[in-house]
Amino acid sequence: MSTGSHCSLIPVPADVRPQSPILAETEAWLIGVPLTPWAAGWWGSWTEWCTAIDESAFNVYHRQGPLIVFRQRVASWRWQLHPATGEFRDMRNRRASWRGFLGRYPEVSEALLAAFKGAAADA
């Protein structure tokens, strides 16, 4: 982490990083893809997601496709997207509107676009 308020923001633990590719890491957001139940537990801590607390539930979803977790760095609110099933849930495990989420947090789509453009340039 660098300087200023960034130091007080929640970092991704060193043991979780290898188990979760980080799609975007900004002052406001952490966006990652948990690849193991352990990583899903960290990304989904303080949520009601079955994927965060039940290894078999995580495995059922993970076999269908990746989970993408959006974690606000200051408020620590979380949302989980499962593109394979179209499920998008808030931290209370209630269905949420993906379109509404991106409308409320346009910086998320900007961070994702930047991450994917960077990945395409590296290829």
N, C-alpha and C. Protein backbone atom coordinates (compact mmCIF):
# COMPACT_ATOMS: atom_id res chain seq x y z
N MET A 1 0.84 -1.19 0.00
CA MET A 1 0.00 0.00 0.00
C MET A 1 0.88 1.24 0.00
N SER A 2 0.34 2.27 -0.57
CA SER A 2 1.12 3.50 -0.65
C SER A 2 0.81 4.44 0.49
N THR A 3 0.59 5.70 0.21
CA THR A 3 0.52 6.71 1.26
C THR A 3 -0.89 7.13 1.59
N GLY A 4 -0.99 7.99 2.59
CA GLY A 4 -2.24 8.64 2.93
C GLY A 4 -3.29 7.69 3.47
N SER A 5 -4.56 8.00 3.17
CA SER A 5 -5.67 7.21 3.69
C SER A 5 -5.67 5.80 3.13
N HIS A 6 -4.96 5.58 2.05
CA HIS A 6 -4.91 4.25 1.43
C HIS A 6 -4.39 3.21 2.43
N CYS A 7 -3.53 3.63 3.35
CA CYS A 7 -2.96 2.70 4.34
C CYS A 7 -4.02 2.15 5.28
N SER A 8 -5.07 2.91 5.55
CA SER A 8 -6.09 2.46 6.48
C SER A 8 -7.16 1.62 5.80
N LEU A 9 -7.09 1.47 4.49
CA LEU A 9 -8.08 0.69 3.78
C LEU A 9 -7.79 -0.80 3.92
N ILE A 10 -8.83 -1.59 3.86
CA ILE A 10 -8.69 -3.03 4.04
C ILE A 10 -7.89 -3.61 2.87
N PRO A 11 -6.76 -4.25 3.18
CA PRO A 11 -5.98 -4.91 2.13
C PRO A 11 -6.44 -6.36 1.93
N VAL A 12 -6.10 -6.91 0.79
CA VAL A 12 -6.32 -8.34 0.58
C VAL A 12 -5.17 -9.06 1.28
N PRO A 13 -5.45 -9.96 2.22
CA PRO A 13 -4.38 -10.65 2.93
C PRO A 13 -3.45 -11.41 1.97
N ALA A 14 -2.19 -11.50 2.35
CA ALA A 14 -1.18 -12.15 1.51
C ALA A 14 -1.54 -13.59 1.21
N ASP A 15 -2.18 -14.30 2.15
CA ASP A 15 -2.52 -15.70 1.90
C ASP A 15 -3.76 -15.86 1.02
N VAL A 16 -4.53 -14.80 0.85
CA VAL A 16 -5.73 -14.85 0.01
C VAL A 16 -5.41 -14.45 -1.43
N ARG A 17 -4.45 -13.56 -1.60
CA ARG A 17 -4.12 -13.06 -2.96
C ARG A 17 -3.85 -14.16 -3.98
N PRO A 18 -3.03 -15.18 -3.68
CA PRO A 18 -2.78 -16.20 -4.70
C PRO A 18 -4.02 -17.03 -5.04
N GLN A 19 -5.03 -16.99 -4.17
CA GLN A 19 -6.24 -17.76 -4.37
C GLN A 19 -7.38 -16.93 -4.96
N SER A 20 -7.09 -15.68 -5.31
CA SER A 20 -8.13 -14.81 -5.85
C SER A 20 -7.53 -13.75 -6.76
N PRO A 21 -7.58 -13.96 -8.05
CA PRO A 21 -7.13 -12.89 -8.96
C PRO A 21 -7.89 -11.60 -8.66
N ILE A 22 -7.15 -10.52 -8.60
CA ILE A 22 -7.75 -9.21 -8.34
C ILE A 22 -8.00 -8.54 -9.68
N LEU A 23 -9.27 -8.27 -9.98
CA LEU A 23 -9.62 -7.62 -11.24
C LEU A 23 -9.40 -6.13 -11.18
N ALA A 24 -9.65 -5.54 -10.01
CA ALA A 24 -9.45 -4.11 -9.83
C ALA A 24 -9.19 -3.83 -8.36
N GLU A 25 -8.29 -2.90 -8.12
CA GLU A 25 -7.95 -2.50 -6.76
C GLU A 25 -7.74 -0.99 -6.79
N THR A 26 -8.75 -0.27 -6.31
CA THR A 26 -8.70 1.19 -6.31
C THR A 26 -8.83 1.69 -4.88
N GLU A 27 -8.79 2.99 -4.72
CA GLU A 27 -9.01 3.56 -3.38
C GLU A 27 -10.38 3.16 -2.83
N ALA A 28 -11.36 3.02 -3.71
CA ALA A 28 -12.74 2.77 -3.28
C ALA A 28 -13.15 1.31 -3.33
N TRP A 29 -12.52 0.48 -4.19
CA TRP A 29 -13.02 -0.85 -4.45
C TRP A 29 -11.93 -1.91 -4.51
N LEU A 30 -12.30 -3.11 -4.08
CA LEU A 30 -11.55 -4.34 -4.36
C LEU A 30 -12.51 -5.21 -5.15
N ILE A 31 -12.07 -5.71 -6.29
CA ILE A 31 -12.89 -6.60 -7.09
C ILE A 31 -12.05 -7.83 -7.37
N GLY A 32 -12.53 -8.97 -6.89
CA GLY A 32 -11.75 -10.18 -7.02
C GLY A 32 -12.57 -11.41 -7.34
N VAL A 33 -11.86 -12.46 -7.71
CA VAL A 33 -12.47 -13.72 -8.10
C VAL A 33 -11.92 -14.81 -7.18
N PRO A 34 -12.67 -15.19 -6.14
CA PRO A 34 -12.19 -16.24 -5.24
C PRO A 34 -12.19 -17.59 -5.96
N LEU A 35 -11.05 -18.28 -5.88
CA LEU A 35 -10.90 -19.57 -6.55
C LEU A 35 -10.98 -20.76 -5.60
N THR A 36 -10.99 -20.48 -4.30
CA THR A 36 -11.04 -21.54 -3.30
C THR A 36 -12.07 -21.18 -2.22
N PRO A 37 -12.55 -22.17 -1.48
CA PRO A 37 -13.46 -21.86 -0.38
C PRO A 37 -12.83 -20.91 0.65
N TRP A 38 -11.52 -21.07 0.90
CA TRP A 38 -10.83 -20.17 1.85
C TRP A 38 -10.91 -18.73 1.38
N ALA A 39 -10.61 -18.50 0.10
CA ALA A 39 -10.67 -17.14 -0.45
C ALA A 39 -12.11 -16.62 -0.44
N ALA A 40 -13.06 -17.49 -0.78
CA ALA A 40 -14.47 -17.08 -0.77
C ALA A 40 -14.90 -16.67 0.64
N GLY A 41 -14.35 -17.36 1.64
CA GLY A 41 -14.66 -16.99 3.02
C GLY A 41 -14.17 -15.60 3.37
N TRP A 42 -12.97 -15.24 2.89
CA TRP A 42 -12.47 -13.89 3.17
C TRP A 42 -13.29 -12.85 2.42
N TRP A 43 -13.48 -13.06 1.11
CA TRP A 43 -14.22 -12.08 0.30
C TRP A 43 -15.65 -11.93 0.81
N GLY A 44 -16.22 -13.01 1.32
CA GLY A 44 -17.61 -12.97 1.77
C GLY A 44 -17.79 -12.84 3.26
N SER A 45 -16.71 -12.50 3.98
CA SER A 45 -16.85 -12.33 5.43
C SER A 45 -17.89 -11.25 5.72
N TRP A 46 -18.65 -11.46 6.77
CA TRP A 46 -19.71 -10.56 7.21
C TRP A 46 -20.86 -10.48 6.21
N THR A 47 -21.01 -11.53 5.38
CA THR A 47 -22.17 -11.61 4.49
C THR A 47 -22.98 -12.84 4.87
N GLU A 48 -24.09 -13.01 4.21
CA GLU A 48 -24.93 -14.19 4.40
C GLU A 48 -24.85 -15.12 3.20
N TRP A 49 -23.77 -15.04 2.42
CA TRP A 49 -23.62 -15.87 1.22
C TRP A 49 -23.28 -17.31 1.61
N CYS A 50 -23.99 -18.24 1.04
CA CYS A 50 -23.66 -19.65 1.28
C CYS A 50 -22.26 -19.96 0.74
N THR A 51 -21.84 -19.29 -0.30
CA THR A 51 -20.53 -19.54 -0.91
C THR A 51 -19.39 -19.13 0.01
N ALA A 52 -19.67 -18.29 0.99
CA ALA A 52 -18.63 -17.84 1.91
C ALA A 52 -18.49 -18.74 3.13
N ILE A 53 -19.53 -19.51 3.42
CA ILE A 53 -19.51 -20.30 4.66
C ILE A 53 -19.65 -21.80 4.44
N ASP A 54 -19.96 -22.21 3.23
CA ASP A 54 -20.21 -23.62 2.95
C ASP A 54 -19.36 -24.05 1.76
N GLU A 55 -18.37 -24.88 2.02
CA GLU A 55 -17.44 -25.30 0.96
C GLU A 55 -18.17 -25.98 -0.19
N SER A 56 -19.14 -26.82 0.10
CA SER A 56 -19.85 -27.51 -0.98
C SER A 56 -20.66 -26.53 -1.82
N ALA A 57 -21.26 -25.53 -1.19
CA ALA A 57 -22.00 -24.51 -1.96
C ALA A 57 -21.05 -23.73 -2.86
N PHE A 58 -19.89 -23.36 -2.32
CA PHE A 58 -18.90 -22.67 -3.14
C PHE A 58 -18.54 -23.54 -4.35
N ASN A 59 -18.27 -24.82 -4.11
CA ASN A 59 -17.86 -25.71 -5.20
C ASN A 59 -18.94 -25.86 -6.27
N VAL A 60 -20.21 -25.90 -5.87
CA VAL A 60 -21.31 -25.99 -6.85
C VAL A 60 -21.28 -24.77 -7.77
N TYR A 61 -21.17 -23.59 -7.19
CA TYR A 61 -21.13 -22.37 -8.02
C TYR A 61 -19.86 -22.31 -8.85
N HIS A 62 -18.74 -22.61 -8.21
CA HIS A 62 -17.44 -22.48 -8.88
C HIS A 62 -17.33 -23.41 -10.09
N ARG A 63 -17.90 -24.60 -10.00
CA ARG A 63 -17.87 -25.53 -11.14
C ARG A 63 -18.63 -24.97 -12.34
N GLN A 64 -19.64 -24.13 -12.09
CA GLN A 64 -20.43 -23.54 -13.17
C GLN A 64 -19.74 -22.33 -13.79
N GLY A 65 -18.89 -21.68 -13.02
CA GLY A 65 -18.20 -20.48 -13.49
C GLY A 65 -17.76 -19.65 -12.31
N PRO A 66 -16.91 -18.67 -12.56
CA PRO A 66 -16.34 -17.89 -11.45
C PRO A 66 -17.37 -17.00 -10.76
N LEU A 67 -17.09 -16.75 -9.50
CA LEU A 67 -17.81 -15.73 -8.73
C LEU A 67 -16.96 -14.46 -8.76
N ILE A 68 -17.59 -13.33 -8.85
CA ILE A 68 -16.87 -12.06 -8.81
C ILE A 68 -17.42 -11.27 -7.63
N VAL A 69 -16.52 -10.83 -6.75
CA VAL A 69 -16.94 -10.12 -5.55
C VAL A 69 -16.49 -8.66 -5.65
N PHE A 70 -17.42 -7.79 -5.32
CA PHE A 70 -17.18 -6.34 -5.32
C PHE A 70 -17.23 -5.90 -3.86
N ARG A 71 -16.12 -5.40 -3.36
CA ARG A 71 -16.02 -5.04 -1.95
C ARG A 71 -15.63 -3.57 -1.83
N GLN A 72 -16.51 -2.78 -1.22
CA GLN A 72 -16.17 -1.38 -0.96
C GLN A 72 -15.09 -1.36 0.10
N ARG A 73 -14.08 -0.55 -0.12
CA ARG A 73 -12.93 -0.57 0.78
C ARG A 73 -13.18 0.18 2.08
N VAL A 74 -13.96 1.23 2.06
CA VAL A 74 -14.18 2.00 3.28
C VAL A 74 -15.36 1.44 4.07
N ALA A 75 -16.52 1.33 3.44
CA ALA A 75 -17.71 0.83 4.12
C ALA A 75 -17.68 -0.68 4.28
N SER A 76 -16.90 -1.36 3.44
CA SER A 76 -16.76 -2.81 3.44
C SER A 76 -18.06 -3.53 3.06
N TRP A 77 -18.94 -2.84 2.32
CA TRP A 77 -20.13 -3.50 1.78
C TRP A 77 -19.69 -4.40 0.64
N ARG A 78 -20.45 -5.45 0.40
CA ARG A 78 -20.07 -6.42 -0.61
C ARG A 78 -21.26 -6.82 -1.47
N TRP A 79 -20.93 -7.16 -2.71
CA TRP A 79 -21.88 -7.74 -3.65
C TRP A 79 -21.18 -8.89 -4.35
N GLN A 80 -21.96 -9.86 -4.77
CA GLN A 80 -21.39 -11.03 -5.44
C GLN A 80 -22.15 -11.27 -6.75
N LEU A 81 -21.38 -11.42 -7.82
CA LEU A 81 -21.94 -11.70 -9.14
C LEU A 81 -21.50 -13.10 -9.58
N HIS A 82 -22.46 -13.87 -10.07
CA HIS A 82 -22.15 -15.17 -10.66
C HIS A 82 -22.65 -15.11 -12.11
N PRO A 83 -21.77 -14.70 -13.04
CA PRO A 83 -22.21 -14.51 -14.43
C PRO A 83 -22.85 -15.74 -15.05
N ALA A 84 -22.40 -16.95 -14.69
CA ALA A 84 -22.93 -18.17 -15.31
C ALA A 84 -24.42 -18.35 -15.05
N THR A 85 -24.89 -17.91 -13.89
CA THR A 85 -26.31 -18.05 -13.55
C THR A 85 -27.05 -16.72 -13.59
N GLY A 86 -26.31 -15.62 -13.73
CA GLY A 86 -26.93 -14.30 -13.72
C GLY A 86 -27.30 -13.81 -12.34
N GLU A 87 -26.86 -14.52 -11.30
CA GLU A 87 -27.18 -14.09 -9.93
C GLU A 87 -26.27 -12.94 -9.51
N PHE A 88 -26.89 -11.91 -8.95
CA PHE A 88 -26.17 -10.78 -8.36
C PHE A 88 -26.82 -10.53 -7.02
N ARG A 89 -26.02 -10.61 -5.95
CA ARG A 89 -26.57 -10.54 -4.60
C ARG A 89 -25.84 -9.52 -3.74
N ASP A 90 -26.62 -8.92 -2.82
CA ASP A 90 -26.01 -8.02 -1.85
C ASP A 90 -25.49 -8.84 -0.68
N MET A 91 -24.92 -8.17 0.30
CA MET A 91 -24.28 -8.90 1.40
C MET A 91 -25.27 -9.62 2.31
N ARG A 92 -26.55 -9.28 2.21
CA ARG A 92 -27.59 -10.00 2.97
C ARG A 92 -28.13 -11.18 2.17
N ASN A 93 -27.50 -11.44 1.02
CA ASN A 93 -27.86 -12.53 0.12
C ASN A 93 -29.20 -12.30 -0.57
N ARG A 94 -29.57 -11.05 -0.71
CA ARG A 94 -30.79 -10.71 -1.45
C ARG A 94 -30.41 -10.41 -2.89
N ARG A 95 -31.28 -10.82 -3.80
CA ARG A 95 -31.03 -10.49 -5.21
C ARG A 95 -30.95 -8.97 -5.35
N ALA A 96 -30.01 -8.53 -6.16
CA ALA A 96 -29.82 -7.10 -6.39
C ALA A 96 -29.84 -6.87 -7.90
N SER A 97 -29.97 -5.62 -8.28
CA SER A 97 -30.00 -5.25 -9.68
C SER A 97 -28.58 -4.89 -10.14
N TRP A 98 -28.06 -5.67 -11.08
CA TRP A 98 -26.74 -5.39 -11.64
C TRP A 98 -26.73 -4.02 -12.31
N ARG A 99 -27.76 -3.75 -13.10
CA ARG A 99 -27.86 -2.45 -13.78
C ARG A 99 -27.94 -1.31 -12.77
N GLY A 100 -28.73 -1.52 -11.72
CA GLY A 100 -28.84 -0.50 -10.68
C GLY A 100 -27.53 -0.28 -9.95
N PHE A 101 -26.81 -1.38 -9.69
CA PHE A 101 -25.51 -1.30 -9.03
C PHE A 101 -24.53 -0.47 -9.86
N LEU A 102 -24.44 -0.77 -11.15
CA LEU A 102 -23.52 -0.02 -12.01
C LEU A 102 -23.96 1.43 -12.18
N GLY A 103 -25.27 1.68 -12.15
CA GLY A 103 -25.76 3.06 -12.19
C GLY A 103 -25.37 3.84 -10.95
N ARG A 104 -25.40 3.17 -9.80
CA ARG A 104 -25.05 3.82 -8.54
C ARG A 104 -23.54 3.95 -8.38
N TYR A 105 -22.79 3.00 -8.92
CA TYR A 105 -21.33 2.98 -8.76
C TYR A 105 -20.65 2.89 -10.13
N PRO A 106 -20.72 3.94 -10.94
CA PRO A 106 -20.12 3.89 -12.28
C PRO A 106 -18.61 3.66 -12.25
N GLU A 107 -17.97 3.98 -11.14
CA GLU A 107 -16.52 3.77 -11.04
C GLU A 107 -16.17 2.28 -11.09
N VAL A 108 -17.13 1.40 -10.76
CA VAL A 108 -16.88 -0.03 -10.84
C VAL A 108 -16.71 -0.45 -12.29
N SER A 109 -17.63 -0.01 -13.15
CA SER A 109 -17.50 -0.38 -14.56
C SER A 109 -16.24 0.23 -15.16
N GLU A 110 -15.88 1.43 -14.73
CA GLU A 110 -14.64 2.06 -15.22
C GLU A 110 -13.42 1.25 -14.78
N ALA A 111 -13.41 0.78 -13.54
CA ALA A 111 -12.29 -0.02 -13.03
C ALA A 111 -12.19 -1.35 -13.78
N LEU A 112 -13.34 -1.98 -14.03
CA LEU A 112 -13.33 -3.24 -14.77
C LEU A 112 -12.85 -3.04 -16.21
N LEU A 113 -13.33 -1.99 -16.85
CA LEU A 113 -12.88 -1.72 -18.23
C LEU A 113 -11.37 -1.49 -18.27
N ALA A 114 -10.87 -0.74 -17.31
CA ALA A 114 -9.42 -0.48 -17.27
C ALA A 114 -8.65 -1.78 -17.05
N ALA A 115 -9.16 -2.65 -16.18
CA ALA A 115 -8.49 -3.93 -15.90
C ALA A 115 -8.47 -4.80 -17.15
N PHE A 116 -9.60 -4.87 -17.85
CA PHE A 116 -9.65 -5.72 -19.03
C PHE A 116 -8.86 -5.14 -20.20
N LYS A 117 -8.84 -3.83 -20.32
CA LYS A 117 -8.02 -3.20 -21.36
C LYS A 117 -6.55 -3.47 -21.09
N GLY A 118 -6.15 -3.38 -19.81
CA GLY A 118 -4.76 -3.66 -19.44
C GLY A 118 -4.40 -5.10 -19.72
N ALA A 119 -5.30 -6.03 -19.42
CA ALA A 119 -5.05 -7.45 -19.67
C ALA A 119 -4.95 -7.72 -21.17
N ALA A 120 -5.78 -7.06 -21.96
CA ALA A 120 -5.74 -7.26 -23.42
C ALA A 120 -4.44 -6.71 -24.00
N ALA A 121 -3.97 -5.61 -23.45
CA ALA A 121 -2.72 -5.01 -23.94
C ALA A 121 -1.51 -5.90 -23.60
N ASP A 122 -1.60 -6.61 -22.46
CA ASP A 122 -0.51 -7.49 -22.04
C ASP A 122 -0.46 -8.78 -22.85
N ALA A 123 -1.59 -9.13 -23.48
CA ALA A 123 -1.66 -10.42 -24.21
C ALA A 123 -0.90 -10.40 -25.52
